[in-house]
Amino acid sequence: MSDPGKGAVDTVSAAETAGDTVGPVRLTGPDKTVGQLVATATAEMSALVHDEIALAKAEIRQDVKRGVTGGVAGAVAGGLLLFSVPMFSFAAAYGIHNLGLGLAWSFLIVAGAFVLLAALLGLLAMAKFKKVKPPEKSIASAKQTAAVLQNVKPHPRQSQDSAVVVARSSA
């Protein structure tokens, strides 16, 4: 596999090997203008931002793959657990029946245990939901921001010829 930048290395001049150039623009010398320096800085910042975005995309893509894998594994585990509930229910009912109780009473006891468990989990859920409160700090901050923005006046623009404004916006 060939290096895409290898061809550029072969055509490097002696001035570039001295370290005074970045890309096609020289960084030192009397012939550099402020505009060229700004263009170089802008190009480097743009490349840096693009590289940072590419890195963030790669990290997010990797995290999404892990999340999907975890979600699928959790869903399969939940499905298997759901399918095991009737089996354990029948096993418990037949185990109680083997202790000498009638089969109908055995199934009734298992069903009653499920109802009792559901009631306890429902009470726990209600207790937790009662403790949920609105995000008061966020609401207060949003109200404060809205109040500040209501008092802000737009920045007055200097009067310009409308033809100049149109010419700038279409350029």
Protein backbone atom coordinates (compact mmCIF):
# COMPACT_ATOMS: atom_id res chain seq x y z
CA MET A 1 0.00 0.00 0.00
CA SER A 2 1.57 3.31 -1.01
CA ASP A 3 1.70 6.42 1.12
CA PRO A 4 -0.43 9.21 -0.43
CA GLY A 5 1.99 11.89 0.75
CA LYS A 6 5.11 10.16 -0.59
CA GLY A 7 5.03 11.94 -3.94
CA ALA A 8 5.01 15.30 -2.16
CA VAL A 9 8.11 14.35 -0.17
CA ASP A 10 10.07 13.71 -3.36
CA THR A 11 9.44 17.29 -4.59
CA VAL A 12 10.40 19.07 -1.35
CA SER A 13 12.74 22.01 -1.91
CA ALA A 14 15.73 22.89 0.24
CA ALA A 15 13.84 25.81 1.79
CA GLU A 16 11.00 23.52 2.85
CA THR A 17 13.37 21.06 4.52
CA ALA A 18 14.69 23.91 6.63
CA GLY A 19 11.22 24.09 8.26
CA ASP A 20 10.13 27.53 7.10
CA THR A 21 7.10 26.44 5.06
CA VAL A 22 3.72 24.99 5.83
CA GLY A 23 2.07 23.48 2.81
CA PRO A 24 2.51 25.69 -0.24
CA VAL A 25 3.02 28.89 1.80
CA ARG A 26 6.36 30.12 3.19
CA LEU A 27 6.22 31.26 6.80
CA THR A 28 9.35 33.36 6.84
CA GLY A 29 10.93 35.84 4.53
CA PRO A 30 10.36 39.42 3.52
CA ASP A 31 7.84 38.51 0.82
CA LYS A 32 5.09 37.35 3.27
CA THR A 33 2.12 39.66 3.57
CA VAL A 34 -0.29 39.83 6.46
CA GLY A 35 -2.99 38.50 4.18
CA GLN A 36 -0.90 35.46 3.34
CA LEU A 37 -0.17 34.84 7.00
CA VAL A 38 -3.88 35.11 7.81
CA ALA A 39 -4.69 32.76 4.92
CA THR A 40 -2.15 30.26 6.22
CA ALA A 41 -3.52 30.47 9.75
CA THR A 42 -7.08 30.12 8.45
CA ALA A 43 -6.14 27.08 6.37
CA GLU A 44 -4.41 25.46 9.33
CA MET A 45 -7.36 26.17 11.64
CA SER A 46 -9.74 24.77 9.04
CA ALA A 47 -7.66 21.60 8.74
CA LEU A 48 -7.53 21.29 12.52
CA VAL A 49 -11.30 21.67 12.82
CA HIS A 50 -11.88 19.11 10.06
CA ASP A 51 -9.53 16.67 11.80
CA GLU A 52 -11.28 17.19 15.13
CA ILE A 53 -14.67 16.58 13.50
CA ALA A 54 -13.36 13.40 11.86
CA LEU A 55 -12.03 12.19 15.21
CA ALA A 56 -15.34 12.94 16.92
CA LYS A 57 -17.24 11.07 14.20
CA ALA A 58 -14.97 8.05 14.57
CA GLU A 59 -15.40 8.02 18.35
CA ILE A 60 -19.16 8.41 18.11
CA ARG A 61 -19.38 5.68 15.48
CA GLN A 62 -17.44 3.32 17.77
CA ASP A 63 -19.65 4.20 20.77
CA VAL A 64 -22.81 3.69 18.71
CA LYS A 65 -21.61 0.25 17.62
CA ARG A 66 -20.94 -0.67 21.25
CA GLY A 67 -24.33 0.69 22.29
CA VAL A 68 -26.15 -1.24 19.58
CA THR A 69 -24.32 -4.43 20.52
CA GLY A 70 -25.18 -3.90 24.18
CA GLY A 71 -28.78 -3.10 23.33
CA VAL A 72 -29.19 -6.22 21.21
CA ALA A 73 -27.59 -8.39 23.91
CA GLY A 74 -29.89 -6.84 26.53
CA ALA A 75 -32.97 -7.37 24.36
CA VAL A 76 -32.07 -11.03 23.78
CA ALA A 77 -31.45 -11.50 27.50
CA GLY A 78 -34.79 -9.87 28.30
CA GLY A 79 -36.58 -12.08 25.78
CA LEU A 80 -35.03 -15.23 27.22
CA LEU A 81 -35.94 -14.10 30.73
CA LEU A 82 -39.50 -13.43 29.62
CA PHE A 83 -39.76 -16.90 28.09
CA SER A 84 -38.44 -18.45 31.31
CA VAL A 85 -41.16 -16.93 33.52
CA PRO A 86 -43.89 -19.42 32.50
CA MET A 87 -41.47 -22.31 32.90
CA PHE A 88 -40.54 -21.26 36.42
CA SER A 89 -44.21 -20.66 37.19
CA PHE A 90 -45.13 -24.18 36.13
CA ALA A 91 -42.13 -25.58 38.01
CA ALA A 92 -43.15 -23.74 41.19
CA ALA A 93 -46.77 -24.82 40.86
CA TYR A 94 -45.85 -28.47 40.28
CA GLY A 95 -43.31 -28.29 43.12
CA ILE A 96 -46.04 -27.07 45.50
CA HIS A 97 -48.33 -29.83 44.15
CA ASN A 98 -45.65 -32.42 45.02
CA LEU A 99 -45.78 -31.21 48.63
CA GLY A 100 -49.32 -32.56 48.82
CA LEU A 101 -51.48 -29.56 47.83
CA GLY A 102 -53.97 -29.78 44.99
CA LEU A 103 -52.84 -28.68 41.54
CA ALA A 104 -55.37 -25.83 41.31
CA TRP A 105 -54.32 -24.47 44.72
CA SER A 106 -50.66 -24.71 43.67
CA PHE A 107 -51.26 -22.57 40.57
CA LEU A 108 -53.34 -20.14 42.64
CA ILE A 109 -50.48 -19.71 45.13
CA VAL A 110 -48.00 -19.00 42.30
CA ALA A 111 -50.41 -16.49 40.71
CA GLY A 112 -50.93 -14.82 44.11
CA ALA A 113 -47.14 -14.53 44.52
CA PHE A 114 -46.94 -12.78 41.15
CA VAL A 115 -49.75 -10.39 42.10
CA LEU A 116 -48.04 -9.64 45.43
CA LEU A 117 -44.72 -9.01 43.65
CA ALA A 118 -46.44 -6.72 41.13
CA ALA A 119 -48.13 -4.77 43.95
CA LEU A 120 -44.83 -4.29 45.78
CA LEU A 121 -43.08 -3.11 42.60
CA GLY A 122 -46.01 -0.78 41.85
CA LEU A 123 -45.74 0.81 45.31
CA LEU A 124 -42.00 1.21 44.85
CA ALA A 125 -42.58 2.88 41.48
CA MET A 126 -45.16 5.27 42.96
CA ALA A 127 -42.77 6.24 45.76
CA LYS A 128 -40.00 6.97 43.27
CA PHE A 129 -42.31 8.94 40.94
CA LYS A 130 -43.47 11.13 43.83
CA LYS A 131 -39.87 12.15 44.45
CA VAL A 132 -39.46 13.39 40.85
CA LYS A 133 -39.49 17.18 40.74
CA PRO A 134 -39.18 19.61 37.85
CA PRO A 135 -35.68 20.91 37.08
CA GLU A 136 -36.04 24.10 39.09
CA LYS A 137 -32.53 25.42 38.45
CA SER A 138 -32.91 24.99 34.68
CA ILE A 139 -36.33 26.65 34.71
CA ALA A 140 -35.01 29.58 36.74
CA SER A 141 -32.02 29.95 34.44
CA ALA A 142 -34.25 29.89 31.34
CA LYS A 143 -36.56 32.52 32.86
CA GLN A 144 -33.59 34.70 33.73
CA THR A 145 -32.19 34.38 30.21
CA ALA A 146 -35.59 35.22 28.72
CA ALA A 147 -35.86 38.29 30.97
CA VAL A 148 -32.41 39.50 29.92
CA LEU A 149 -33.16 38.94 26.24
CA GLN A 150 -36.42 40.88 26.48
CA ASN A 151 -34.51 43.98 27.62
CA VAL A 152 -31.89 43.75 24.86
CA LYS A 153 -32.22 46.17 22.02
CA PRO A 154 -30.89 45.31 18.59
CA HIS A 155 -27.58 46.84 17.63
CA PRO A 156 -28.22 49.88 15.43
CA ARG A 157 -26.81 49.50 11.95
CA GLN A 158 -25.20 52.31 10.09
CA SER A 159 -27.28 53.53 7.22
CA GLN A 160 -25.90 52.17 3.97
CA ASP A 161 -26.92 52.47 0.39
CA SER A 162 -29.22 49.53 -0.41
CA ALA A 163 -27.32 48.87 -3.66
CA VAL A 164 -24.10 48.36 -1.69
CA VAL A 165 -25.84 45.95 0.69
CA VAL A 166 -27.24 43.95 -2.23
CA ALA A 167 -23.86 43.92 -3.93
CA ARG A 168 -22.18 42.59 -0.78
CA SER A 169 -24.74 39.89 -0.18
CA SER A 170 -24.58 38.61 -3.74
CA ALA A 171 -20.77 38.56 -3.89
